[in-house]
C-alpha atoms as a PDB file:
ATOM      1  CA  MET A   1     -35.072 -47.505  -9.059  1.00  0.00           C
ATOM      2  CA  PHE A   2     -35.379 -44.094 -10.743  1.00  0.00           C
ATOM      3  CA  TYR A   3     -34.989 -42.173  -7.474  1.00  0.00           C
ATOM      4  CA  GLU A   4     -31.487 -43.491  -6.730  1.00  0.00           C
ATOM      5  CA  LYS A   5     -28.823 -40.875  -7.213  1.00  0.00           C
ATOM      6  CA  ASN A   6     -26.765 -42.863  -9.702  1.00  0.00           C
ATOM      7  CA  GLN A   7     -29.795 -43.343 -11.961  1.00  0.00           C
ATOM      8  CA  ALA A   8     -31.200 -39.810 -11.921  1.00  0.00           C
ATOM      9  CA  LYS A   9     -29.763 -39.345 -15.406  1.00  0.00           C
ATOM     10  CA  ASP A  10     -31.438 -42.423 -16.860  1.00  0.00           C
ATOM     11  CA  ILE A  11     -35.167 -42.076 -16.200  1.00  0.00           C
ATOM     12  CA  ASN A  12     -37.529 -43.886 -18.555  1.00  0.00           C
ATOM     13  CA  ILE A  13     -40.939 -42.370 -19.238  1.00  0.00           C
ATOM     14  CA  ALA A  14     -43.654 -44.037 -21.286  1.00  0.00           C
ATOM     15  CA  TYR A  15     -46.067 -41.539 -22.815  1.00  0.00           C
ATOM     16  CA  ILE A  16     -49.383 -43.068 -23.908  1.00  0.00           C
ATOM     17  CA  GLY A  17     -50.939 -40.541 -26.235  1.00  0.00           C
ATOM     18  CA  GLY A  18     -47.472 -39.400 -27.254  1.00  0.00           C
ATOM     19  CA  GLY A  19     -48.742 -37.729 -30.415  1.00  0.00           C
ATOM     20  CA  SER A  20     -50.396 -35.018 -28.314  1.00  0.00           C
ATOM     21  CA  ARG A  21     -49.943 -31.434 -29.505  1.00  0.00           C
ATOM     22  CA  GLY A  22     -50.830 -30.071 -26.071  1.00  0.00           C
ATOM     23  CA  TRP A  23     -49.825 -31.934 -22.933  1.00  0.00           C
ATOM     24  CA  ALA A  24     -46.844 -33.595 -24.632  1.00  0.00           C
ATOM     25  CA  TRP A  25     -45.276 -30.248 -25.486  1.00  0.00           C
ATOM     26  CA  LYS A  26     -45.880 -29.001 -21.939  1.00  0.00           C
ATOM     27  CA  LEU A  27     -44.122 -32.095 -20.600  1.00  0.00           C
ATOM     28  CA  MET A  28     -41.198 -31.547 -22.960  1.00  0.00           C
ATOM     29  CA  ALA A  29     -40.796 -27.967 -21.770  1.00  0.00           C
ATOM     30  CA  ASP A  30     -41.003 -28.925 -18.100  1.00  0.00           C
ATOM     31  CA  LEU A  31     -38.442 -31.712 -18.493  1.00  0.00           C
ATOM     32  CA  ALA A  32     -36.089 -29.471 -20.466  1.00  0.00           C
ATOM     33  CA  CYS A  33     -36.159 -26.927 -17.631  1.00  0.00           C
ATOM     34  CA  GLU A  34     -35.286 -29.490 -14.932  1.00  0.00           C
ATOM     35  CA  PRO A  35     -31.473 -29.733 -14.618  1.00  0.00           C
ATOM     36  CA  ASP A  36     -31.316 -32.589 -12.103  1.00  0.00           C
ATOM     37  CA  ILE A  37     -32.897 -35.356 -14.155  1.00  0.00           C
ATOM     38  CA  CYS A  38     -32.834 -36.639 -17.710  1.00  0.00           C
ATOM     39  CA  GLY A  39     -33.499 -39.807 -19.629  1.00  0.00           C
ATOM     40  CA  THR A  40     -35.700 -41.141 -22.405  1.00  0.00           C
ATOM     41  CA  VAL A  41     -39.359 -40.562 -23.243  1.00  0.00           C
ATOM     42  CA  ARG A  42     -40.948 -43.265 -25.390  1.00  0.00           C
ATOM     43  CA  LEU A  43     -43.922 -41.893 -27.306  1.00  0.00           C
ATOM     44  CA  TYR A  44     -46.767 -44.294 -28.103  1.00  0.00           C
ATOM     45  CA  ASP A  45     -49.849 -43.234 -30.012  1.00  0.00           C
ATOM     46  CA  ILE A  46     -52.391 -45.026 -32.190  1.00  0.00           C
ATOM     47  CA  HIS A  47     -51.437 -42.335 -34.719  1.00  0.00           C
ATOM     48  CA  TYR A  48     -47.777 -43.279 -35.066  1.00  0.00           C
ATOM     49  CA  ASN A  49     -46.918 -40.378 -37.363  1.00  0.00           C
ATOM     50  CA  ALA A  50     -48.063 -37.895 -34.720  1.00  0.00           C
ATOM     51  CA  ALA A  51     -45.742 -39.543 -32.188  1.00  0.00           C
ATOM     52  CA  LYS A  52     -42.946 -39.488 -34.769  1.00  0.00           C
ATOM     53  CA  ASP A  53     -43.452 -35.744 -35.231  1.00  0.00           C
ATOM     54  CA  ASN A  54     -43.141 -35.260 -31.479  1.00  0.00           C
ATOM     55  CA  GLU A  55     -39.971 -37.349 -31.498  1.00  0.00           C
ATOM     56  CA  THR A  56     -38.450 -34.857 -33.929  1.00  0.00           C
ATOM     57  CA  ILE A  57     -39.720 -31.862 -31.973  1.00  0.00           C
ATOM     58  CA  GLY A  58     -38.512 -33.251 -28.631  1.00  0.00           C
ATOM     59  CA  ASN A  59     -35.046 -34.101 -29.930  1.00  0.00           C
ATOM     60  CA  SER A  60     -34.692 -30.633 -31.458  1.00  0.00           C
ATOM     61  CA  ILE A  61     -34.904 -28.950 -28.052  1.00  0.00           C
ATOM     62  CA  ILE A  62     -31.334 -29.668 -26.984  1.00  0.00           C
ATOM     63  CA  LYS A  63     -30.071 -28.435 -30.369  1.00  0.00           C
ATOM     64  CA  GLU A  64     -31.941 -25.147 -30.081  1.00  0.00           C
ATOM     65  CA  HIS A  65     -31.356 -24.758 -26.327  1.00  0.00           C
ATOM     66  CA  PRO A  66     -27.924 -26.229 -25.432  1.00  0.00           C
ATOM     67  CA  THR A  67     -28.458 -25.606 -21.702  1.00  0.00           C
ATOM     68  CA  ALA A  68     -31.671 -27.666 -21.617  1.00  0.00           C
ATOM     69  CA  SER A  69     -31.758 -30.990 -19.818  1.00  0.00           C
ATOM     70  CA  PRO A  70     -30.777 -33.558 -22.514  1.00  0.00           C
ATOM     71  CA  TRP A  71     -33.853 -35.763 -22.789  1.00  0.00           C
ATOM     72  CA  LYS A  72     -34.178 -38.191 -25.685  1.00  0.00           C
ATOM     73  CA  TYR A  73     -37.501 -38.881 -27.419  1.00  0.00           C
ATOM     74  CA  ALA A  74     -38.375 -42.027 -29.359  1.00  0.00           C
ATOM     75  CA  ALA A  75     -41.640 -42.906 -31.092  1.00  0.00           C
ATOM     76  CA  VAL A  76     -42.554 -46.581 -30.733  1.00  0.00           C
ATOM     77  CA  HIS A  77     -45.041 -48.776 -32.569  1.00  0.00           C
ATOM     78  CA  THR A  78     -46.456 -50.793 -29.654  1.00  0.00           C
ATOM     79  CA  ILE A  79     -47.542 -50.149 -26.108  1.00  0.00           C
ATOM     80  CA  GLU A  80     -45.243 -52.987 -25.014  1.00  0.00           C
ATOM     81  CA  GLU A  81     -42.224 -51.092 -26.364  1.00  0.00           C
ATOM     82  CA  ALA A  82     -43.322 -47.956 -24.563  1.00  0.00           C
ATOM     83  CA  LEU A  83     -43.981 -49.568 -21.188  1.00  0.00           C
ATOM     84  CA  THR A  84     -41.170 -52.077 -20.819  1.00  0.00           C
ATOM     85  CA  GLY A  85     -38.721 -50.755 -18.230  1.00  0.00           C
ATOM     86  CA  ALA A  86     -40.660 -47.537 -17.623  1.00  0.00           C
ATOM     87  CA  ASP A  87     -40.211 -45.682 -14.326  1.00  0.00           C
ATOM     88  CA  PHE A  88     -43.156 -43.400 -15.090  1.00  0.00           C
ATOM     89  CA  VAL A  89     -46.190 -43.766 -17.330  1.00  0.00           C
ATOM     90  CA  ILE A  90     -48.058 -40.675 -18.481  1.00  0.00           C
ATOM     91  CA  ILE A  91     -51.479 -41.048 -20.089  1.00  0.00           C
ATOM     92  CA  SER A  92     -53.123 -38.220 -22.004  1.00  0.00           C
ATOM     93  CA  ILE A  93     -55.433 -39.408 -24.741  1.00  0.00           C
ATOM     94  CA  LEU A  94     -58.455 -38.019 -26.555  1.00  0.00           C
ATOM     95  CA  PRO A  95     -61.099 -40.750 -26.514  1.00  0.00           C
ATOM     96  CA  GLY A  96     -62.549 -40.485 -29.996  1.00  0.00           C
ATOM     97  CA  THR A  97     -62.505 -37.205 -31.897  1.00  0.00           C
ATOM     98  CA  PHE A  98     -63.955 -33.740 -31.394  1.00  0.00           C
ATOM     99  CA  ASP A  99     -66.877 -34.832 -33.589  1.00  0.00           C
ATOM    100  CA  GLU A 100     -67.886 -37.320 -30.886  1.00  0.00           C
ATOM    101  CA  MET A 101     -67.308 -34.690 -28.224  1.00  0.00           C
ATOM    102  CA  TYR A 102     -69.565 -32.280 -30.130  1.00  0.00           C
ATOM    103  CA  SER A 103     -72.340 -34.869 -29.949  1.00  0.00           C
ATOM    104  CA  ASP A 104     -71.638 -35.474 -26.231  1.00  0.00           C
ATOM    105  CA  VAL A 105     -72.052 -31.784 -25.463  1.00  0.00           C
ATOM    106  CA  HIS A 106     -74.794 -30.682 -27.829  1.00  0.00           C
ATOM    107  CA  ALA A 107     -77.096 -33.680 -28.385  1.00  0.00           C
ATOM    108  CA  PRO A 108     -78.575 -33.409 -24.835  1.00  0.00           C
ATOM    109  CA  GLU A 109     -79.711 -29.845 -25.603  1.00  0.00           C
ATOM    110  CA  ALA A 110     -82.637 -31.344 -27.541  1.00  0.00           C
ATOM    111  CA  TYR A 111     -83.853 -32.598 -24.140  1.00  0.00           C
ATOM    112  CA  GLY A 112     -83.316 -29.309 -22.317  1.00  0.00           C
ATOM    113  CA  ILE A 113     -79.910 -30.210 -20.847  1.00  0.00           C
ATOM    114  CA  TYR A 114     -77.209 -27.539 -21.177  1.00  0.00           C
ATOM    115  CA  GLN A 115     -73.618 -28.607 -20.479  1.00  0.00           C
ATOM    116  CA  ALA A 116     -70.786 -26.143 -19.968  1.00  0.00           C
ATOM    117  CA  VAL A 117     -68.032 -28.742 -20.576  1.00  0.00           C
ATOM    118  CA  GLY A 118     -69.562 -32.211 -20.823  1.00  0.00           C
ATOM    119  CA  ASP A 119     -66.402 -34.241 -20.215  1.00  0.00           C
ATOM    120  CA  THR A 120     -66.823 -35.409 -16.614  1.00  0.00           C
ATOM    121  CA  ILE A 121     -70.441 -35.626 -15.486  1.00  0.00           C
ATOM    122  CA  GLY A 122     -73.924 -35.482 -16.962  1.00  0.00           C
ATOM    123  CA  PRO A 123     -74.826 -37.087 -20.304  1.00  0.00           C
ATOM    124  CA  GLY A 124     -71.588 -35.930 -21.929  1.00  0.00           C
ATOM    125  CA  GLY A 125     -69.431 -37.275 -19.131  1.00  0.00           C
ATOM    126  CA  ILE A 126     -71.259 -40.601 -19.089  1.00  0.00           C
ATOM    127  CA  VAL A 127     -70.941 -41.152 -22.846  1.00  0.00           C
ATOM    128  CA  ARG A 128     -67.301 -40.066 -22.798  1.00  0.00           C
ATOM    129  CA  ALA A 129     -66.670 -42.557 -19.979  1.00  0.00           C
ATOM    130  CA  LEU A 130     -68.332 -45.333 -21.986  1.00  0.00           C
ATOM    131  CA  ARG A 131     -65.819 -44.666 -24.778  1.00  0.00           C
ATOM    132  CA  THR A 132     -62.806 -44.190 -22.515  1.00  0.00           C
ATOM    133  CA  LEU A 133     -62.979 -46.797 -19.759  1.00  0.00           C
ATOM    134  CA  PRO A 134     -62.607 -49.846 -22.035  1.00  0.00           C
ATOM    135  CA  MET A 135     -59.377 -48.241 -23.301  1.00  0.00           C
ATOM    136  CA  TYR A 136     -58.223 -47.765 -19.710  1.00  0.00           C
ATOM    137  CA  ARG A 137     -58.853 -51.403 -18.923  1.00  0.00           C
ATOM    138  CA  GLU A 138     -56.502 -52.322 -21.765  1.00  0.00           C
ATOM    139  CA  ILE A 139     -53.921 -49.787 -20.612  1.00  0.00           C
ATOM    140  CA  ALA A 140     -54.096 -51.047 -17.007  1.00  0.00           C
ATOM    141  CA  ASN A 141     -53.529 -54.637 -18.126  1.00  0.00           C
ATOM    142  CA  ALA A 142     -50.574 -53.521 -20.249  1.00  0.00           C
ATOM    143  CA  ILE A 143     -49.012 -51.649 -17.324  1.00  0.00           C
ATOM    144  CA  LYS A 144     -49.511 -54.705 -15.131  1.00  0.00           C
ATOM    145  CA  ALA A 145     -47.752 -56.851 -17.720  1.00  0.00           C
ATOM    146  CA  TYR A 146     -44.842 -54.610 -18.730  1.00  0.00           C
ATOM    147  CA  SER A 147     -44.195 -51.989 -16.027  1.00  0.00           C
ATOM    148  CA  PRO A 148     -45.980 -52.971 -12.801  1.00  0.00           C
ATOM    149  CA  ASP A 149     -43.675 -50.903 -10.571  1.00  0.00           C
ATOM    150  CA  ALA A 150     -43.979 -47.649 -12.529  1.00  0.00           C
ATOM    151  CA  TRP A 151     -45.688 -44.533 -11.241  1.00  0.00           C
ATOM    152  CA  VAL A 152     -48.666 -43.724 -13.453  1.00  0.00           C
ATOM    153  CA  ILE A 153     -49.888 -40.151 -14.029  1.00  0.00           C
ATOM    154  CA  ASN A 154     -53.253 -39.706 -15.724  1.00  0.00           C
ATOM    155  CA  TYR A 155     -54.375 -36.513 -17.490  1.00  0.00           C
ATOM    156  CA  THR A 156     -57.423 -37.885 -19.333  1.00  0.00           C
ATOM    157  CA  ASN A 157     -61.030 -37.019 -18.442  1.00  0.00           C
ATOM    158  CA  PRO A 158     -63.234 -38.159 -16.888  1.00  0.00           C
ATOM    159  CA  MET A 159     -60.274 -38.104 -14.520  1.00  0.00           C
ATOM    160  CA  SER A 160     -61.714 -39.829 -11.468  1.00  0.00           C
ATOM    161  CA  ALA A 161     -63.413 -42.594 -13.462  1.00  0.00           C
ATOM    162  CA  CYS A 162     -60.277 -43.255 -15.526  1.00  0.00           C
ATOM    163  CA  THR A 163     -57.992 -43.433 -12.492  1.00  0.00           C
ATOM    164  CA  LYS A 164     -60.502 -45.602 -10.603  1.00  0.00           C
ATOM    165  CA  THR A 165     -60.583 -48.019 -13.548  1.00  0.00           C
ATOM    166  CA  LEU A 166     -56.795 -48.392 -13.447  1.00  0.00           C
ATOM    167  CA  TYR A 167     -57.089 -49.521  -9.816  1.00  0.00           C
ATOM    168  CA  GLU A 168     -60.046 -51.811 -10.480  1.00  0.00           C
ATOM    169  CA  VAL A 169     -58.068 -53.693 -13.120  1.00  0.00           C
ATOM    170  CA  PHE A 170     -54.691 -53.551 -11.359  1.00  0.00           C
ATOM    171  CA  PRO A 171     -55.192 -52.880  -7.615  1.00  0.00           C
ATOM    172  CA  GLU A 172     -51.439 -52.692  -6.927  1.00  0.00           C
ATOM    173  CA  ILE A 173     -50.888 -49.914  -9.457  1.00  0.00           C
ATOM    174  CA  LYS A 174     -49.281 -46.658  -8.258  1.00  0.00           C
ATOM    175  CA  ALA A 175     -51.457 -44.175 -10.130  1.00  0.00           C
ATOM    176  CA  PHE A 176     -52.827 -40.699  -9.577  1.00  0.00           C
ATOM    177  CA  GLY A 177     -54.636 -38.119 -11.653  1.00  0.00           C
ATOM    178  CA  CYS A 178     -53.370 -34.596 -12.336  1.00  0.00           C
ATOM    179  CA  CYS A 179     -55.362 -31.417 -12.875  1.00  0.00           C
ATOM    180  CA  HIS A 180     -54.358 -27.786 -12.433  1.00  0.00           C
ATOM    181  CA  GLU A 181     -57.517 -26.546 -10.728  1.00  0.00           C
ATOM    182  CA  VAL A 182     -56.132 -26.224  -7.160  1.00  0.00           C
ATOM    183  CA  PHE A 183     -53.245 -24.054  -8.355  1.00  0.00           C
ATOM    184  CA  ALA A 184     -55.531 -21.059  -8.946  1.00  0.00           C
ATOM    185  CA  VAL A 185     -56.479 -20.926  -5.250  1.00  0.00           C
ATOM    186  CA  GLN A 186     -52.830 -21.187  -4.216  1.00  0.00           C
ATOM    187  CA  SER A 187     -51.806 -18.492  -6.709  1.00  0.00           C
ATOM    188  CA  LEU A 188     -54.551 -16.169  -5.452  1.00  0.00           C
ATOM    189  CA  MET A 189     -53.256 -16.448  -1.899  1.00  0.00           C
ATOM    190  CA  GLN A 190     -49.642 -16.202  -3.005  1.00  0.00           C
ATOM    191  CA  GLU A 191     -50.423 -12.886  -4.709  1.00  0.00           C
ATOM    192  CA  TYR A 192     -52.303 -11.616  -1.644  1.00  0.00           C
ATOM    193  CA  LEU A 193     -49.418 -12.448   0.683  1.00  0.00           C
ATOM    194  CA  LYS A 194     -46.991 -10.691  -1.651  1.00  0.00           C
ATOM    195  CA  THR A 195     -48.977  -7.516  -2.286  1.00  0.00           C
ATOM    196  CA  LYS A 196     -50.820  -7.085   1.033  1.00  0.00           C
ATOM    197  CA  LEU A 197     -48.413  -8.558   3.574  1.00  0.00           C
ATOM    198  CA  GLY A 198     -45.103  -8.020   1.802  1.00  0.00           C
ATOM    199  CA  ILE A 199     -44.055 -11.686   1.859  1.00  0.00           C
ATOM    200  CA  THR A 200     -42.184 -11.482  -1.430  1.00  0.00           C
ATOM    201  CA  ASP A 201     -40.151 -14.693  -1.302  1.00  0.00           C
ATOM    202  CA  ILE A 202     -43.132 -17.051  -1.128  1.00  0.00           C
ATOM    203  CA  GLU A 203     -43.582 -19.902  -3.611  1.00  0.00           C
ATOM    204  CA  ARG A 204     -46.991 -21.183  -4.647  1.00  0.00           C
ATOM    205  CA  SER A 205     -46.088 -24.647  -3.340  1.00  0.00           C
ATOM    206  CA  GLU A 206     -45.766 -23.206   0.170  1.00  0.00           C
ATOM    207  CA  ILE A 207     -49.523 -22.591   0.252  1.00  0.00           C
ATOM    208  CA  LYS A 208     -50.802 -25.841   1.725  1.00  0.00           C
ATOM    209  CA  ALA A 209     -54.335 -27.029   1.018  1.00  0.00           C
ATOM    210  CA  ASP A 210     -56.456 -29.912   2.298  1.00  0.00           C
ATOM    211  CA  ILE A 211     -58.569 -31.190  -0.601  1.00  0.00           C
ATOM    212  CA  ILE A 212     -61.748 -33.260  -0.778  1.00  0.00           C
ATOM    213  CA  GLY A 213     -64.023 -34.256  -3.650  1.00  0.00           C
ATOM    214  CA  VAL A 214     -63.411 -35.578  -7.138  1.00  0.00           C
ATOM    215  CA  ASN A 215     -61.788 -33.973 -10.146  1.00  0.00           C
ATOM    216  CA  HIS A 216     -63.692 -30.896 -11.377  1.00  0.00           C
ATOM    217  CA  PHE A 217     -65.734 -30.920  -8.149  1.00  0.00           C
ATOM    218  CA  THR A 218     -62.834 -30.183  -5.844  1.00  0.00           C
ATOM    219  CA  TRP A 219     -63.074 -28.374  -2.498  1.00  0.00           C
ATOM    220  CA  VAL A 220     -60.483 -26.827  -0.195  1.00  0.00           C
ATOM    221  CA  THR A 221     -61.326 -27.372   3.483  1.00  0.00           C
ATOM    222  CA  LYS A 222     -58.099 -25.951   4.919  1.00  0.00           C
ATOM    223  CA  LEU A 223     -55.651 -23.416   3.487  1.00  0.00           C
ATOM    224  CA  GLN A 224     -52.550 -22.160   5.218  1.00  0.00           C
ATOM    225  CA  TYR A 225     -49.097 -20.646   4.820  1.00  0.00           C
ATOM    226  CA  ARG A 226     -46.790 -21.944   7.535  1.00  0.00           C
ATOM    227  CA  ASN A 227     -48.791 -21.220  10.714  1.00  0.00           C
ATOM    228  CA  MET A 228     -51.118 -18.678   9.061  1.00  0.00           C
ATOM    229  CA  ASP A 229     -54.731 -19.738   8.489  1.00  0.00           C
ATOM    230  CA  LEU A 230     -55.746 -18.351   5.088  1.00  0.00           C
ATOM    231  CA  MET A 231     -59.410 -19.365   5.152  1.00  0.00           C
ATOM    232  CA  PRO A 232     -60.527 -16.120   6.893  1.00  0.00           C
ATOM    233  CA  ILE A 233     -58.755 -14.131   4.177  1.00  0.00           C
ATOM    234  CA  TYR A 234     -60.646 -16.008   1.472  1.00  0.00           C
ATOM    235  CA  GLU A 235     -63.863 -15.460   3.428  1.00  0.00           C
ATOM    236  CA  SER A 236     -63.173 -11.722   3.440  1.00  0.00           C
ATOM    237  CA  PHE A 237     -62.964 -11.826  -0.363  1.00  0.00           C
ATOM    238  CA  CYS A 238     -66.410 -13.394  -0.467  1.00  0.00           C
ATOM    239  CA  ASN A 239     -68.031 -11.013   1.999  1.00  0.00           C
ATOM    240  CA  ALA A 240     -66.723  -7.695   0.689  1.00  0.00           C
ATOM    241  CA  ALA A 241     -68.942  -6.330  -2.076  1.00  0.00           C
ATOM    242  CA  ASP A 242     -66.105  -4.509  -3.817  1.00  0.00           C
ATOM    243  CA  LYS A 243     -63.792  -7.497  -3.978  1.00  0.00           C
ATOM    244  CA  GLU A 244     -63.187  -9.071  -7.386  1.00  0.00           C
ATOM    245  CA  GLU A 245     -60.548 -11.643  -6.456  1.00  0.00           C
ATOM    246  CA  VAL A 246     -63.192 -14.386  -6.350  1.00  0.00           C
ATOM    247  CA  SER A 247     -65.984 -14.946  -8.899  1.00  0.00           C
ATOM    248  CA  VAL A 248     -69.580 -14.375  -7.787  1.00  0.00           C
ATOM    249  CA  MET A 249     -70.264 -18.085  -8.139  1.00  0.00           C
ATOM    250  CA  HIS A 250     -67.303 -19.035  -5.912  1.00  0.00           C
ATOM    251  CA  GLN A 251     -68.462 -16.438  -3.371  1.00  0.00           C
ATOM    252  CA  ASP A 252     -71.931 -17.984  -3.393  1.00  0.00           C
ATOM    253  CA  LEU A 253     -70.551 -21.499  -2.936  1.00  0.00           C
ATOM    254  CA  PHE A 254     -68.342 -20.423  -0.036  1.00  0.00           C
ATOM    255  CA  ARG A 255     -71.341 -18.868   1.693  1.00  0.00           C
ATOM    256  CA  ARG A 256     -73.341 -22.074   1.165  1.00  0.00           C
ATOM    257  CA  TYR A 257     -70.711 -24.561   2.324  1.00  0.00           C
ATOM    258  CA  GLY A 258     -67.879 -22.710   4.088  1.00  0.00           C
ATOM    259  CA  MET A 259     -65.391 -24.367   1.734  1.00  0.00           C
ATOM    260  CA  ILE A 260     -63.449 -23.090  -1.268  1.00  0.00           C
ATOM    261  CA  ALA A 261     -64.569 -24.444  -4.633  1.00  0.00           C
ATOM    262  CA  ALA A 262     -61.286 -24.983  -6.461  1.00  0.00           C
ATOM    263  CA  ALA A 263     -62.394 -25.806  -9.993  1.00  0.00           C
ATOM    264  CA  ALA A 264     -63.625 -23.419 -12.673  1.00  0.00           C
ATOM    265  CA  ASN A 265     -67.237 -22.218 -12.767  1.00  0.00           C
ATOM    266  CA  SER A 266     -68.054 -24.248 -15.867  1.00  0.00           C
ATOM    267  CA  HIS A 267     -66.922 -27.519 -14.276  1.00  0.00           C
ATOM    268  CA  ILE A 268     -68.451 -27.064 -10.825  1.00  0.00           C
ATOM    269  CA  SER A 269     -71.801 -25.888 -12.182  1.00  0.00           C
ATOM    270  CA  GLU A 270     -72.414 -29.235 -13.877  1.00  0.00           C
ATOM    271  CA  PHE A 271     -72.300 -31.108 -10.549  1.00  0.00           C
ATOM    272  CA  LEU A 272     -74.936 -28.934  -8.895  1.00  0.00           C
ATOM    273  CA  PRO A 273     -78.734 -28.675  -9.347  1.00  0.00           C
ATOM    274  CA  GLY A 274     -79.414 -27.436 -12.861  1.00  0.00           C
ATOM    275  CA  ASN A 275     -81.451 -24.428 -11.768  1.00  0.00           C
ATOM    276  CA  TRP A 276     -78.603 -23.000  -9.661  1.00  0.00           C
ATOM    277  CA  TYR A 277     -76.064 -21.837 -12.223  1.00  0.00           C
ATOM    278  CA  LEU A 278     -76.854 -23.516 -15.552  1.00  0.00           C
ATOM    279  CA  GLY A 279     -80.408 -24.260 -16.612  1.00  0.00           C
ATOM    280  CA  ASN A 280     -81.543 -23.076 -20.037  1.00  0.00           C
ATOM    281  CA  ASP A 281     -81.450 -19.404 -19.088  1.00  0.00           C
ATOM    282  CA  GLU A 282     -78.530 -17.667 -20.764  1.00  0.00           C
ATOM    283  CA  GLU A 283     -78.972 -14.595 -18.567  1.00  0.00           C
ATOM    284  CA  ASN A 284     -78.646 -16.782 -15.476  1.00  0.00           C
ATOM    285  CA  ARG A 285     -75.406 -18.280 -16.813  1.00  0.00           C
ATOM    286  CA  LYS A 286     -74.060 -14.794 -17.525  1.00  0.00           C
ATOM    287  CA  ARG A 287     -74.945 -13.716 -14.011  1.00  0.00           C
ATOM    288  CA  TRP A 288     -72.854 -16.527 -12.562  1.00  0.00           C
ATOM    289  CA  ASN A 289     -70.123 -16.195 -15.195  1.00  0.00           C
ATOM    290  CA  VAL A 290     -70.566 -19.716 -16.571  1.00  0.00           C
ATOM    291  CA  TYR A 291     -69.241 -19.884 -20.105  1.00  0.00           C
ATOM    292  CA  ARG A 292     -68.700 -22.835 -22.393  1.00  0.00           C
ATOM    293  CA  LYS A 293     -65.444 -23.494 -24.205  1.00  0.00           C
ATOM    294  CA  SER A 294     -67.177 -24.663 -27.359  1.00  0.00           C
ATOM    295  CA  VAL A 295     -66.188 -27.802 -29.215  1.00  0.00           C
ATOM    296  CA  THR A 296     -66.029 -25.646 -32.340  1.00  0.00           C
ATOM    297  CA  TRP A 297     -63.306 -23.619 -30.608  1.00  0.00           C
ATOM    298  CA  ARG A 298     -61.505 -26.837 -29.704  1.00  0.00           C
ATOM    299  CA  LYS A 299     -61.531 -27.898 -33.350  1.00  0.00           C
ATOM    300  CA  GLU A 300     -60.127 -24.531 -34.438  1.00  0.00           C
ATOM    301  CA  ASP A 301     -57.495 -24.713 -31.709  1.00  0.00           C
ATOM    302  CA  LEU A 302     -56.446 -28.157 -32.955  1.00  0.00           C
ATOM    303  CA  GLN A 303     -55.877 -26.737 -36.433  1.00  0.00           C
ATOM    304  CA  ASN A 304     -53.752 -23.988 -34.902  1.00  0.00           C
ATOM    305  CA  ARG A 305     -51.694 -26.571 -33.010  1.00  0.00           C
ATOM    306  CA  LEU A 306     -51.259 -28.677 -36.140  1.00  0.00           C
ATOM    307  CA  GLU A 307     -49.887 -25.592 -37.869  1.00  0.00           C
ATOM    308  CA  GLN A 308     -47.620 -24.964 -34.881  1.00  0.00           C
ATOM    309  CA  SER A 309     -46.383 -28.554 -35.177  1.00  0.00           C
ATOM    310  CA  ARG A 310     -45.585 -27.983 -38.847  1.00  0.00           C
ATOM    311  CA  GLN A 311     -43.624 -24.836 -37.991  1.00  0.00           C
ATOM    312  CA  LEU A 312     -41.674 -26.614 -35.247  1.00  0.00           C
ATOM    313  CA  LEU A 313     -40.834 -29.497 -37.583  1.00  0.00           C
ATOM    314  CA  SER A 314     -39.724 -27.191 -40.403  1.00  0.00           C
ATOM    315  CA  GLY A 315     -37.643 -24.999 -38.133  1.00  0.00           C
ATOM    316  CA  GLU A 316     -39.761 -21.911 -38.825  1.00  0.00           C
ATOM    317  CA  LYS A 317     -40.457 -21.734 -35.107  1.00  0.00           C
ATOM    318  CA  LYS A 318     -38.256 -22.601 -32.156  1.00  0.00           C
ATOM    319  CA  PHE A 319     -39.543 -24.659 -29.255  1.00  0.00           C
ATOM    320  CA  GLU A 320     -40.483 -22.394 -26.351  1.00  0.00           C
ATOM    321  CA  MET A 321     -38.822 -23.207 -23.035  1.00  0.00           C
ATOM    322  CA  LYS A 322     -41.734 -22.298 -20.800  1.00  0.00           C
ATOM    323  CA  LEU A 323     -42.857 -24.068 -17.635  1.00  0.00           C
ATOM    324  CA  SER A 324     -46.439 -25.297 -17.662  1.00  0.00           C
END
């Protein structure tokens, strides 16, 4: 297996959605910065040329950064090629296009429903799930057929529904979903311990959190560093009027429930009664600091990333070795 010492230099990763100009590049950077492991990443995407571009970009890293971990990247034409022999499977796909997402988010406004994100819950989340889950059933069956022992890491939203579907189709699968939302709480406490208590050698991973909920509606019930209970410190942030470490909405939620809301305002607000933080009152949303990352922005960002891909392929720009 991949974890045996003599095979730590021959890990096989299947990347479904391997033409990604976002998560794929983050993975490449993280792998390049890890000296203890290397291997091959097989990139599968319904847009083969996008995966082929990432093959070129990934294989250029070791040329530009000789000290990087020497991973090899290969674009493949079929999901069978990607999955066969894989130790890990990473899934990050965009179900449909941003045109469909624009409809998911904005069409419900005609009925008085405002969505800050629209990718997990509410009308937008439901329609997105209807597009995505049939794809995940196919992916689960493919994993069962070609790499049943692999660890599967899902990045696609709606996260909880996608990961649940993998288990419904293939109950023995070893899959989990990844999101960065809990890290912000850990980083907040890490900074406090450094600046206020002088614990300068602390790593974010040393802040331990007990988590409940589902993705984008995630709650911290216990937070500690070694034997130090950090929940009272967070509570002090919420109770002091001059504190700005925690948003007004997170303060309000802590007072309501005595738990730390880990996800961003825009995500959490969609799970709660519409008249709390969203509604159709822009002033109310401003009060609670709920802002929408518009689909128009996402489209513009995609064009910027396509241009970045062109620059990386042409050599105009070097790949940045930066941890995600």
